[in-house]
Amino acid sequence: IYERGADDDATPLATSDYPLRLEAGQKQQYVVIEVPNAKLWSPEDPH
């Protein structure tokens, strides 16, 4: 996770790895990540 518009060499705000055992075909996978001190999106401040 990065700030939008961050440089290509920017340090991620958050990062996480998820090992997966996957069979052939399609599958949905839910994962959760914390964005520390996250700013919220709104019409007044579309962060």
All heavy atoms as atom14 arrays in JSON, in Angstrom:
{
  "sequence": "IYERGADDDATPLATSDYPLRLEAGQKQQYVVIEVPNAKLWSPEDPH",
  "atom14_mask": [
    [1, 1, 1, 1, 1, 1, 1, 1, 0, 0, 0, 0, 0, 0],
    [1, 1, 1, 1, 1, 1, 1, 1, 1, 1, 1, 1, 0, 0],
    [1, 1, 1, 1, 1, 1, 1, 1, 1, 0, 0, 0, 0, 0],
    [1, 1, 1, 1, 1, 1, 1, 1, 1, 1, 1, 0, 0, 0],
    [1, 1, 1, 1, 0, 0, 0, 0, 0, 0, 0, 0, 0, 0],
    [1, 1, 1, 1, 1, 0, 0, 0, 0, 0, 0, 0, 0, 0],
    [1, 1, 1, 1, 1, 1, 1, 1, 0, 0, 0, 0, 0, 0],
    [1, 1, 1, 1, 1, 1, 1, 1, 0, 0, 0, 0, 0, 0],
    [1, 1, 1, 1, 1, 1, 1, 1, 0, 0, 0, 0, 0, 0],
    [1, 1, 1, 1, 1, 0, 0, 0, 0, 0, 0, 0, 0, 0],
    [1, 1, 1, 1, 1, 1, 1, 0, 0, 0, 0, 0, 0, 0],
    [1, 1, 1, 1, 1, 1, 1, 0, 0, 0, 0, 0, 0, 0],
    [1, 1, 1, 1, 1, 1, 1, 1, 0, 0, 0, 0, 0, 0],
    [1, 1, 1, 1, 1, 0, 0, 0, 0, 0, 0, 0, 0, 0],
    [1, 1, 1, 1, 1, 1, 1, 0, 0, 0, 0, 0, 0, 0],
    [1, 1, 1, 1, 1, 1, 0, 0, 0, 0, 0, 0, 0, 0],
    [1, 1, 1, 1, 1, 1, 1, 1, 0, 0, 0, 0, 0, 0],
    [1, 1, 1, 1, 1, 1, 1, 1, 1, 1, 1, 1, 0, 0],
    [1, 1, 1, 1, 1, 1, 1, 0, 0, 0, 0, 0, 0, 0],
    [1, 1, 1, 1, 1, 1, 1, 1, 0, 0, 0, 0, 0, 0],
    [1, 1, 1, 1, 1, 1, 1, 1, 1, 1, 1, 0, 0, 0],
    [1, 1, 1, 1, 1, 1, 1, 1, 0, 0, 0, 0, 0, 0],
    [1, 1, 1, 1, 1, 1, 1, 1, 1, 0, 0, 0, 0, 0],
    [1, 1, 1, 1, 1, 0, 0, 0, 0, 0, 0, 0, 0, 0],
    [1, 1, 1, 1, 0, 0, 0, 0, 0, 0, 0, 0, 0, 0],
    [1, 1, 1, 1, 1, 1, 1, 1, 1, 0, 0, 0, 0, 0],
    [1, 1, 1, 1, 1, 1, 1, 1, 1, 0, 0, 0, 0, 0],
    [1, 1, 1, 1, 1, 1, 1, 1, 1, 0, 0, 0, 0, 0],
    [1, 1, 1, 1, 1, 1, 1, 1, 1, 0, 0, 0, 0, 0],
    [1, 1, 1, 1, 1, 1, 1, 1, 1, 1, 1, 1, 0, 0],
    [1, 1, 1, 1, 1, 1, 1, 0, 0, 0, 0, 0, 0, 0],
    [1, 1, 1, 1, 1, 1, 1, 0, 0, 0, 0, 0, 0, 0],
    [1, 1, 1, 1, 1, 1, 1, 1, 0, 0, 0, 0, 0, 0],
    [1, 1, 1, 1, 1, 1, 1, 1, 1, 0, 0, 0, 0, 0],
    [1, 1, 1, 1, 1, 1, 1, 0, 0, 0, 0, 0, 0, 0],
    [1, 1, 1, 1, 1, 1, 1, 0, 0, 0, 0, 0, 0, 0],
    [1, 1, 1, 1, 1, 1, 1, 1, 0, 0, 0, 0, 0, 0],
    [1, 1, 1, 1, 1, 0, 0, 0, 0, 0, 0, 0, 0, 0],
    [1, 1, 1, 1, 1, 1, 1, 1, 1, 0, 0, 0, 0, 0],
    [1, 1, 1, 1, 1, 1, 1, 1, 0, 0, 0, 0, 0, 0],
    [1, 1, 1, 1, 1, 1, 1, 1, 1, 1, 1, 1, 1, 1],
    [1, 1, 1, 1, 1, 1, 0, 0, 0, 0, 0, 0, 0, 0],
    [1, 1, 1, 1, 1, 1, 1, 0, 0, 0, 0, 0, 0, 0],
    [1, 1, 1, 1, 1, 1, 1, 1, 1, 0, 0, 0, 0, 0],
    [1, 1, 1, 1, 1, 1, 1, 1, 0, 0, 0, 0, 0, 0],
    [1, 1, 1, 1, 1, 1, 1, 0, 0, 0, 0, 0, 0, 0],
    [1, 1, 1, 1, 1, 1, 1, 1, 1, 1, 0, 0, 0, 0]
  ],
  "atom14_positions": [
    [[0.85, -1.19, 0.0], [0.0, 0.0, 0.0], [0.89, 1.23, 0.0], [1.84, 1.34, 0.79], [-0.93, 0.03, 1.24], [-1.72, -1.27, 1.35], [-1.85, 1.25, 1.17], [-2.64, -1.55, 0.19], [0.0, 0.0, 0.0], [0.0, 0.0, 0.0], [0.0, 0.0, 0.0], [0.0, 0.0, 0.0], [0.0, 0.0, 0.0], [0.0, 0.0, 0.0]],
    [[0.57, 2.19, -0.9], [1.33, 3.44, -1.02], [0.36, 4.62, -1.03], [-0.83, 4.46, -1.29], [2.11, 3.48, -2.34], [3.09, 2.37, -2.57], [2.69, 1.18, -3.16], [4.42, 2.52, -2.22], [3.59, 0.15, -3.39], [5.34, 1.5, -2.45], [4.91, 0.32, -3.04], [5.82, -0.69, -3.27], [0.0, 0.0, 0.0], [0.0, 0.0, 0.0]],
    [[0.9, 5.78, -0.76], [0.16, 7.0, -1.07], [-0.01, 7.05, -2.59], [0.92, 6.74, -3.34], [0.9, 8.25, -0.59], [0.88, 8.46, 0.91], [-0.46, 8.96, 1.42], [-1.37, 9.21, 0.6], [-0.6, 9.1, 2.65], [0.0, 0.0, 0.0], [0.0, 0.0, 0.0], [0.0, 0.0, 0.0], [0.0, 0.0, 0.0], [0.0, 0.0, 0.0]],
    [[-1.18, 7.45, -3.05], [-1.37, 7.52, -4.49], [-0.48, 8.64, -5.05], [-0.44, 9.74, -4.5], [-2.83, 7.8, -4.84], [-3.12, 7.62, -6.33], [-4.6, 7.48, -6.54], [-4.89, 7.13, -7.92], [-5.42, 7.95, -8.82], [-5.7, 9.19, -8.47], [-5.68, 7.55, -10.04], [0.0, 0.0, 0.0], [0.0, 0.0, 0.0], [0.0, 0.0, 0.0]],
    [[0.2, 8.35, -6.13], [1.11, 9.32, -6.7], [2.52, 9.24, -6.15], [3.37, 10.06, -6.5], [0.0, 0.0, 0.0], [0.0, 0.0, 0.0], [0.0, 0.0, 0.0], [0.0, 0.0, 0.0], [0.0, 0.0, 0.0], [0.0, 0.0, 0.0], [0.0, 0.0, 0.0], [0.0, 0.0, 0.0], [0.0, 0.0, 0.0], [0.0, 0.0, 0.0]],
    [[2.76, 8.25, -5.27], [4.1, 8.11, -4.7], [5.09, 7.69, -5.78], [4.73, 7.07, -6.78], [4.08, 7.07, -3.59], [0.0, 0.0, 0.0], [0.0, 0.0, 0.0], [0.0, 0.0, 0.0], [0.0, 0.0, 0.0], [0.0, 0.0, 0.0], [0.0, 0.0, 0.0], [0.0, 0.0, 0.0], [0.0, 0.0, 0.0], [0.0, 0.0, 0.0]],
    [[6.36, 8.05, -5.59], [7.41, 7.67, -6.53], [7.56, 6.15, -6.57], [7.18, 5.44, -5.63], [8.74, 8.3, -6.12], [8.7, 9.82, -6.2], [7.9, 10.33, -7.0], [9.46, 10.47, -5.45], [0.0, 0.0, 0.0], [0.0, 0.0, 0.0], [0.0, 0.0, 0.0], [0.0, 0.0, 0.0], [0.0, 0.0, 0.0], [0.0, 0.0, 0.0]],
    [[8.14, 5.66, -7.67], [8.31, 4.22, -7.84], [9.19, 3.61, -6.76], [9.04, 2.43, -6.43], [8.9, 3.92, -9.22], [7.91, 4.18, -10.34], [6.7, 4.24, -10.04], [8.34, 4.32, -11.5], [0.0, 0.0, 0.0], [0.0, 0.0, 0.0], [0.0, 0.0, 0.0], [0.0, 0.0, 0.0], [0.0, 0.0, 0.0], [0.0, 0.0, 0.0]],
    [[10.12, 4.41, -6.2], [11.02, 3.87, -5.18], [10.54, 4.18, -3.76], [11.31, 4.04, -2.8], [12.43, 4.41, -5.38], [12.49, 5.95, -5.34], [11.41, 6.58, -5.3], [13.61, 6.5, -5.37], [0.0, 0.0, 0.0], [0.0, 0.0, 0.0], [0.0, 0.0, 0.0], [0.0, 0.0, 0.0], [0.0, 0.0, 0.0], [0.0, 0.0, 0.0]],
    [[9.29, 4.62, -3.62], [8.76, 4.97, -2.3], [8.62, 3.72, -1.43], [8.39, 2.61, -1.92], [7.41, 5.66, -2.44], [0.0, 0.0, 0.0], [0.0, 0.0, 0.0], [0.0, 0.0, 0.0], [0.0, 0.0, 0.0], [0.0, 0.0, 0.0], [0.0, 0.0, 0.0], [0.0, 0.0, 0.0], [0.0, 0.0, 0.0], [0.0, 0.0, 0.0]],
    [[8.76, 3.92, -0.13], [8.57, 2.84, 0.83], [7.07, 2.64, 1.06], [6.34, 3.61, 1.25], [9.24, 3.18, 2.17], [10.64, 3.41, 1.94], [9.05, 2.05, 3.18], [0.0, 0.0, 0.0], [0.0, 0.0, 0.0], [0.0, 0.0, 0.0], [0.0, 0.0, 0.0], [0.0, 0.0, 0.0], [0.0, 0.0, 0.0], [0.0, 0.0, 0.0]],
    [[6.6, 1.4, 1.04], [5.16, 1.17, 1.25], [4.72, 1.65, 2.64], [5.46, 1.56, 3.61], [5.01, -0.35, 1.13], [6.23, -0.81, 0.4], [7.32, 0.14, 0.77], [0.0, 0.0, 0.0], [0.0, 0.0, 0.0], [0.0, 0.0, 0.0], [0.0, 0.0, 0.0], [0.0, 0.0, 0.0], [0.0, 0.0, 0.0], [0.0, 0.0, 0.0]],
    [[3.49, 2.15, 2.7], [2.9, 2.49, 3.99], [2.55, 1.23, 4.77], [2.54, 1.22, 6.0], [1.63, 3.32, 3.78], [1.78, 4.66, 3.06], [0.41, 5.27, 2.83], [2.65, 5.6, 3.89], [0.0, 0.0, 0.0], [0.0, 0.0, 0.0], [0.0, 0.0, 0.0], [0.0, 0.0, 0.0], [0.0, 0.0, 0.0], [0.0, 0.0, 0.0]],
    [[2.23, 0.18, 4.02], [1.89, -1.1, 4.64], [2.23, -2.2, 3.64], [2.13, -2.0, 2.43], [0.42, -1.15, 5.01], [0.0, 0.0, 0.0], [0.0, 0.0, 0.0], [0.0, 0.0, 0.0], [0.0, 0.0, 0.0], [0.0, 0.0, 0.0], [0.0, 0.0, 0.0], [0.0, 0.0, 0.0], [0.0, 0.0, 0.0], [0.0, 0.0, 0.0]],
    [[2.63, -3.34, 4.15], [2.96, -4.47, 3.27], [2.68, -5.76, 4.03], [2.82, -5.82, 5.26], [4.42, -4.42, 2.82], [4.67, -5.48, 1.9], [5.39, -4.51, 3.98], [0.0, 0.0, 0.0], [0.0, 0.0, 0.0], [0.0, 0.0, 0.0], [0.0, 0.0, 0.0], [0.0, 0.0, 0.0], [0.0, 0.0, 0.0], [0.0, 0.0, 0.0]],
    [[2.26, -6.79, 3.29], [2.0, -8.08, 3.93], [2.06, -9.18, 2.89], [1.77, -8.96, 1.71], [0.63, -8.07, 4.62], [0.49, -9.2, 5.46], [0.0, 0.0, 0.0], [0.0, 0.0, 0.0], [0.0, 0.0, 0.0], [0.0, 0.0, 0.0], [0.0, 0.0, 0.0], [0.0, 0.0, 0.0], [0.0, 0.0, 0.0], [0.0, 0.0, 0.0]],
    [[2.46, -10.39, 3.35], [2.54, -11.56, 2.49], [1.49, -12.58, 2.91], [1.2, -12.74, 4.11], [3.93, -12.21, 2.58], [5.04, -11.31, 2.08], [4.71, -10.28, 1.44], [6.21, -11.64, 2.31], [0.0, 0.0, 0.0], [0.0, 0.0, 0.0], [0.0, 0.0, 0.0], [0.0, 0.0, 0.0], [0.0, 0.0, 0.0], [0.0, 0.0, 0.0]],
    [[0.97, -13.32, 1.93], [-0.07, -14.31, 2.2], [0.24, -15.58, 1.38], [-0.01, -15.63, 0.18], [-1.45, -13.77, 1.81], [-1.75, -12.39, 2.35], [-1.4, -11.25, 1.62], [-2.38, -12.22, 3.57], [-1.67, -9.98, 2.11], [-2.65, -10.94, 4.07], [-2.29, -9.84, 3.32], [-2.56, -8.57, 3.8], [0.0, 0.0, 0.0], [0.0, 0.0, 0.0]],
    [[0.81, -16.61, 2.0], [1.06, -17.87, 1.28], [-0.26, -18.54, 0.9], [-1.18, -18.65, 1.73], [1.84, -18.72, 2.29], [2.3, -17.76, 3.35], [1.29, -16.67, 3.39], [0.0, 0.0, 0.0], [0.0, 0.0, 0.0], [0.0, 0.0, 0.0], [0.0, 0.0, 0.0], [0.0, 0.0, 0.0], [0.0, 0.0, 0.0], [0.0, 0.0, 0.0]],
    [[-0.37, -19.01, -0.33], [-1.61, -19.6, -0.82], [-1.32, -20.91, -1.53], [-0.39, -20.99, -2.34], [-2.31, -18.66, -1.8], [-2.79, -17.3, -1.3], [-3.31, -16.47, -2.47], [-3.87, -17.47, -0.25], [0.0, 0.0, 0.0], [0.0, 0.0, 0.0], [0.0, 0.0, 0.0], [0.0, 0.0, 0.0], [0.0, 0.0, 0.0], [0.0, 0.0, 0.0]],
    [[-2.11, -21.91, -1.24], [-2.1, -23.16, -2.01], [-3.25, -23.07, -3.02], [-4.4, -22.96, -2.63], [-2.29, -24.35, -1.09], [-2.51, -25.66, -1.81], [-1.23, -26.17, -2.41], [-1.5, -27.21, -3.4], [-0.57, -27.89, -4.02], [0.7, -27.64, -3.76], [-0.88, -28.81, -4.9], [0.0, 0.0, 0.0], [0.0, 0.0, 0.0], [0.0, 0.0, 0.0]],
    [[-2.94, -23.03, -4.32], [-3.96, -22.77, -5.33], [-4.07, -23.92, -6.31], [-3.06, -24.41, -6.83], [-3.63, -21.48, -6.09], [-3.63, -20.19, -5.25], [-3.14, -19.01, -6.08], [-5.02, -19.92, -4.69], [0.0, 0.0, 0.0], [0.0, 0.0, 0.0], [0.0, 0.0, 0.0], [0.0, 0.0, 0.0], [0.0, 0.0, 0.0], [0.0, 0.0, 0.0]],
    [[-5.29, -24.35, -6.55], [-5.58, -25.36, -7.56], [-5.85, -24.67, -8.89], [-5.98, -23.44, -8.97], [-6.79, -26.2, -7.13], [-6.62, -26.88, -5.78], [-5.45, -27.86, -5.76], [-5.14, -28.42, -6.83], [-4.84, -28.04, -4.69], [0.0, 0.0, 0.0], [0.0, 0.0, 0.0], [0.0, 0.0, 0.0], [0.0, 0.0, 0.0], [0.0, 0.0, 0.0]],
    [[-5.95, -25.46, -9.95], [-6.25, -24.9, -11.27], [-7.66, -24.32, -11.28], [-8.57, -24.82, -10.62], [-6.13, -25.99, -12.34], [0.0, 0.0, 0.0], [0.0, 0.0, 0.0], [0.0, 0.0, 0.0], [0.0, 0.0, 0.0], [0.0, 0.0, 0.0], [0.0, 0.0, 0.0], [0.0, 0.0, 0.0], [0.0, 0.0, 0.0], [0.0, 0.0, 0.0]],
    [[-7.81, -23.21, -12.02], [-9.11, -22.55, -12.12], [-9.09, -21.2, -11.45], [-8.04, -20.6, -11.21], [0.0, 0.0, 0.0], [0.0, 0.0, 0.0], [0.0, 0.0, 0.0], [0.0, 0.0, 0.0], [0.0, 0.0, 0.0], [0.0, 0.0, 0.0], [0.0, 0.0, 0.0], [0.0, 0.0, 0.0], [0.0, 0.0, 0.0], [0.0, 0.0, 0.0]],
    [[-10.28, -20.71, -11.13], [-10.44, -19.39, -10.5], [-10.88, -19.54, -9.06], [-11.64, -20.43, -8.71], [-11.45, -18.54, -11.28], [-10.95, -18.12, -12.62], [-11.78, -17.0, -13.24], [-11.42, -16.5, -14.28], [-12.86, -16.59, -12.6], [0.0, 0.0, 0.0], [0.0, 0.0, 0.0], [0.0, 0.0, 0.0], [0.0, 0.0, 0.0], [0.0, 0.0, 0.0]],
    [[-10.41, -18.61, -8.25], [-10.75, -18.64, -6.83], [-10.68, -17.23, -6.28], [-9.81, -16.44, -6.67], [-9.76, -19.55, -6.08], [-9.91, -19.58, -4.56], [-8.83, -20.47, -3.97], [-8.75, -20.35, -2.45], [-9.92, -20.78, -1.74], [0.0, 0.0, 0.0], [0.0, 0.0, 0.0], [0.0, 0.0, 0.0], [0.0, 0.0, 0.0], [0.0, 0.0, 0.0]],
    [[-11.6, -16.9, -5.39], [-11.54, -15.62, -4.7], [-10.84, -15.8, -3.37], [-11.05, -16.79, -2.67], [-12.95, -15.06, -4.48], [-13.48, -14.27, -5.67], [-14.7, -13.47, -5.29], [-15.64, -13.98, -4.7], [-14.72, -12.2, -5.64], [0.0, 0.0, 0.0], [0.0, 0.0, 0.0], [0.0, 0.0, 0.0], [0.0, 0.0, 0.0], [0.0, 0.0, 0.0]],
    [[-10.03, -14.83, -3.03], [-9.3, -14.88, -1.77], [-9.41, -13.54, -1.08], [-9.07, -12.49, -1.65], [-7.83, -15.21, -2.01], [-7.0, -15.25, -0.75], [-7.38, -16.41, 0.17], [-7.51, -17.54, -0.27], [-7.59, -16.11, 1.46], [0.0, 0.0, 0.0], [0.0, 0.0, 0.0], [0.0, 0.0, 0.0], [0.0, 0.0, 0.0], [0.0, 0.0, 0.0]],
    [[-9.9, -13.55, 0.16], [-9.99, -12.33, 0.96], [-8.75, -12.21, 1.84], [-8.31, -13.19, 2.47], [-11.23, -12.36, 1.86], [-12.52, -12.22, 1.11], [-13.2, -13.34, 0.64], [-13.07, -10.97, 0.85], [-14.39, -13.22, -0.05], [-14.25, -10.83, 0.15], [-14.9, -11.96, -0.29], [-16.08, -11.84, -0.99], [0.0, 0.0, 0.0], [0.0, 0.0, 0.0]],
    [[-8.19, -11.01, 1.89], [-7.08, -10.72, 2.8], [-7.32, -9.35, 3.43], [-8.01, -8.51, 2.86], [-5.71, -10.73, 2.06], [-5.42, -12.09, 1.47], [-5.66, -9.66, 0.99], [0.0, 0.0, 0.0], [0.0, 0.0, 0.0], [0.0, 0.0, 0.0], [0.0, 0.0, 0.0], [0.0, 0.0, 0.0], [0.0, 0.0, 0.0], [0.0, 0.0, 0.0]],
    [[-6.76, -9.16, 4.6], [-6.94, -7.9, 5.34], [-5.58, -7.3, 5.61], [-4.62, -8.01, 5.93], [-7.71, -8.14, 6.66], [-7.82, -6.84, 7.45], [-9.09, -8.7, 6.37], [0.0, 0.0, 0.0], [0.0, 0.0, 0.0], [0.0, 0.0, 0.0], [0.0, 0.0, 0.0], [0.0, 0.0, 0.0], [0.0, 0.0, 0.0], [0.0, 0.0, 0.0]],
    [[-5.51, -5.97, 5.49], [-4.26, -5.26, 5.78], [-4.59, -3.98, 6.54], [-5.64, -3.37, 6.32], [-3.49, -4.95, 4.48], [-2.06, -4.5, 4.78], [-4.23, -3.94, 3.62], [-1.17, -4.48, 3.54], [0.0, 0.0, 0.0], [0.0, 0.0, 0.0], [0.0, 0.0, 0.0], [0.0, 0.0, 0.0], [0.0, 0.0, 0.0], [0.0, 0.0, 0.0]],
    [[-3.71, -3.61, 7.45], [-3.88, -2.37, 8.21], [-3.11, -1.24, 7.52], [-1.96, -1.41, 7.13], [-3.37, -2.53, 9.64], [-3.57, -1.28, 10.48], [-3.07, -1.44, 11.91], [-2.57, -2.53, 12.24], [-3.18, -0.45, 12.68], [0.0, 0.0, 0.0], [0.0, 0.0, 0.0], [0.0, 0.0, 0.0], [0.0, 0.0, 0.0], [0.0, 0.0, 0.0]],
    [[-3.76, -0.09, 7.37], [-3.13, 1.11, 6.84], [-2.97, 2.07, 8.02], [-3.93, 2.74, 8.4], [-3.96, 1.75, 5.72], [-3.23, 2.96, 5.14], [-4.25, 0.72, 4.62], [0.0, 0.0, 0.0], [0.0, 0.0, 0.0], [0.0, 0.0, 0.0], [0.0, 0.0, 0.0], [0.0, 0.0, 0.0], [0.0, 0.0, 0.0], [0.0, 0.0, 0.0]],
    [[-1.8, 2.15, 8.6], [-1.63, 2.96, 9.83], [-1.97, 4.43, 9.6], [-1.63, 5.01, 8.56], [-0.15, 2.78, 10.16], [0.27, 1.54, 9.44], [-0.55, 1.48, 8.2], [0.0, 0.0, 0.0], [0.0, 0.0, 0.0], [0.0, 0.0, 0.0], [0.0, 0.0, 0.0], [0.0, 0.0, 0.0], [0.0, 0.0, 0.0], [0.0, 0.0, 0.0]],
    [[-2.67, 5.01, 10.57], [-3.02, 6.43, 10.53], [-3.71, 6.82, 9.22], [-3.42, 7.86, 8.61], [-1.77, 7.3, 10.73], [-1.04, 6.97, 12.01], [-1.64, 6.9, 13.08], [0.27, 6.76, 11.91], [0.0, 0.0, 0.0], [0.0, 0.0, 0.0], [0.0, 0.0, 0.0], [0.0, 0.0, 0.0], [0.0, 0.0, 0.0], [0.0, 0.0, 0.0]],
    [[-4.61, 5.95, 8.78], [-5.24, 6.13, 7.46], [-6.1, 7.39, 7.43], [-6.83, 7.7, 8.38], [-6.1, 4.92, 7.13], [0.0, 0.0, 0.0], [0.0, 0.0, 0.0], [0.0, 0.0, 0.0], [0.0, 0.0, 0.0], [0.0, 0.0, 0.0], [0.0, 0.0, 0.0], [0.0, 0.0, 0.0], [0.0, 0.0, 0.0], [0.0, 0.0, 0.0]],
    [[-6.0, 8.11, 6.32], [-6.88, 9.24, 6.06], [-8.11, 8.73, 5.32], [-8.0, 7.84, 4.46], [-6.16, 10.3, 5.22], [-4.97, 10.94, 5.9], [-4.31, 11.97, 5.0], [-3.09, 12.6, 5.66], [-2.42, 13.59, 4.77], [0.0, 0.0, 0.0], [0.0, 0.0, 0.0], [0.0, 0.0, 0.0], [0.0, 0.0, 0.0], [0.0, 0.0, 0.0]],
    [[-9.26, 9.3, 5.61], [-10.5, 8.82, 5.02], [-10.8, 9.55, 3.72], [-10.38, 10.69, 3.51], [-11.66, 8.98, 6.01], [-11.48, 8.28, 7.36], [-12.73, 8.45, 8.21], [-11.13, 6.81, 7.19], [0.0, 0.0, 0.0], [0.0, 0.0, 0.0], [0.0, 0.0, 0.0], [0.0, 0.0, 0.0], [0.0, 0.0, 0.0], [0.0, 0.0, 0.0]],
    [[-11.56, 8.88, 2.87], [-12.01, 9.46, 1.6], [-13.37, 10.12, 1.8], [-14.27, 9.54, 2.42], [-12.11, 8.38, 0.53], [-12.49, 8.89, -0.84], [-11.64, 9.18, -1.86], [-13.81, 9.17, -1.32], [-12.35, 9.63, -2.96], [-13.68, 9.64, -2.66], [-15.07, 9.08, -0.77], [-14.78, 10.0, -3.43], [-16.17, 9.46, -1.54], [-16.02, 9.91, -2.85]],
    [[-13.56, 11.31, 1.24], [-14.84, 12.01, 1.28], [-14.88, 12.99, 0.11], [-13.84, 13.3, -0.47], [-15.02, 12.76, 2.61], [-14.12, 13.86, 2.67], [0.0, 0.0, 0.0], [0.0, 0.0, 0.0], [0.0, 0.0, 0.0], [0.0, 0.0, 0.0], [0.0, 0.0, 0.0], [0.0, 0.0, 0.0], [0.0, 0.0, 0.0], [0.0, 0.0, 0.0]],
    [[-16.05, 13.5, -0.25], [-16.12, 14.5, -1.32], [-15.28, 15.74, -1.03], [-14.73, 16.35, -1.95], [-17.62, 14.84, -1.4], [-18.31, 13.62, -0.92], [-17.42, 13.09, 0.18], [0.0, 0.0, 0.0], [0.0, 0.0, 0.0], [0.0, 0.0, 0.0], [0.0, 0.0, 0.0], [0.0, 0.0, 0.0], [0.0, 0.0, 0.0], [0.0, 0.0, 0.0]],
    [[-15.19, 16.12, 0.25], [-14.41, 17.29, 0.61], [-12.9, 17.01, 0.55], [-12.1, 17.9, 0.27], [-14.77, 17.77, 2.02], [-16.21, 18.23, 2.17], [-17.2, 17.08, 2.25], [-16.78, 15.96, 2.64], [-18.38, 17.27, 1.88], [0.0, 0.0, 0.0], [0.0, 0.0, 0.0], [0.0, 0.0, 0.0], [0.0, 0.0, 0.0], [0.0, 0.0, 0.0]],
    [[-12.52, 15.78, 0.83], [-11.11, 15.4, 0.83], [-11.0, 13.99, 0.24], [-10.93, 13.0, 0.96], [-10.55, 15.43, 2.25], [-9.06, 15.08, 2.29], [-8.42, 15.08, 1.22], [-8.55, 14.78, 3.39], [0.0, 0.0, 0.0], [0.0, 0.0, 0.0], [0.0, 0.0, 0.0], [0.0, 0.0, 0.0], [0.0, 0.0, 0.0], [0.0, 0.0, 0.0]],
    [[-10.98, 13.88, -1.09], [-10.97, 12.56, -1.74], [-9.58, 11.92, -1.69], [-8.89, 11.81, -2.71], [-11.42, 12.86, -3.17], [-11.02, 14.28, -3.4], [-11.11, 14.98, -2.08], [0.0, 0.0, 0.0], [0.0, 0.0, 0.0], [0.0, 0.0, 0.0], [0.0, 0.0, 0.0], [0.0, 0.0, 0.0], [0.0, 0.0, 0.0], [0.0, 0.0, 0.0]],
    [[-9.19, 11.5, -0.49], [-7.84, 10.96, -0.3], [-7.8, 9.51, -0.79], [-8.58, 8.66, -0.36], [-7.45, 11.01, 1.17], [-6.0, 10.71, 1.4], [-5.02, 11.67, 1.37], [-5.36, 9.53, 1.65], [-3.84, 11.13, 1.59], [-4.02, 9.82, 1.76], [0.0, 0.0, 0.0], [0.0, 0.0, 0.0], [0.0, 0.0, 0.0], [0.0, 0.0, 0.0]]
  ]
}
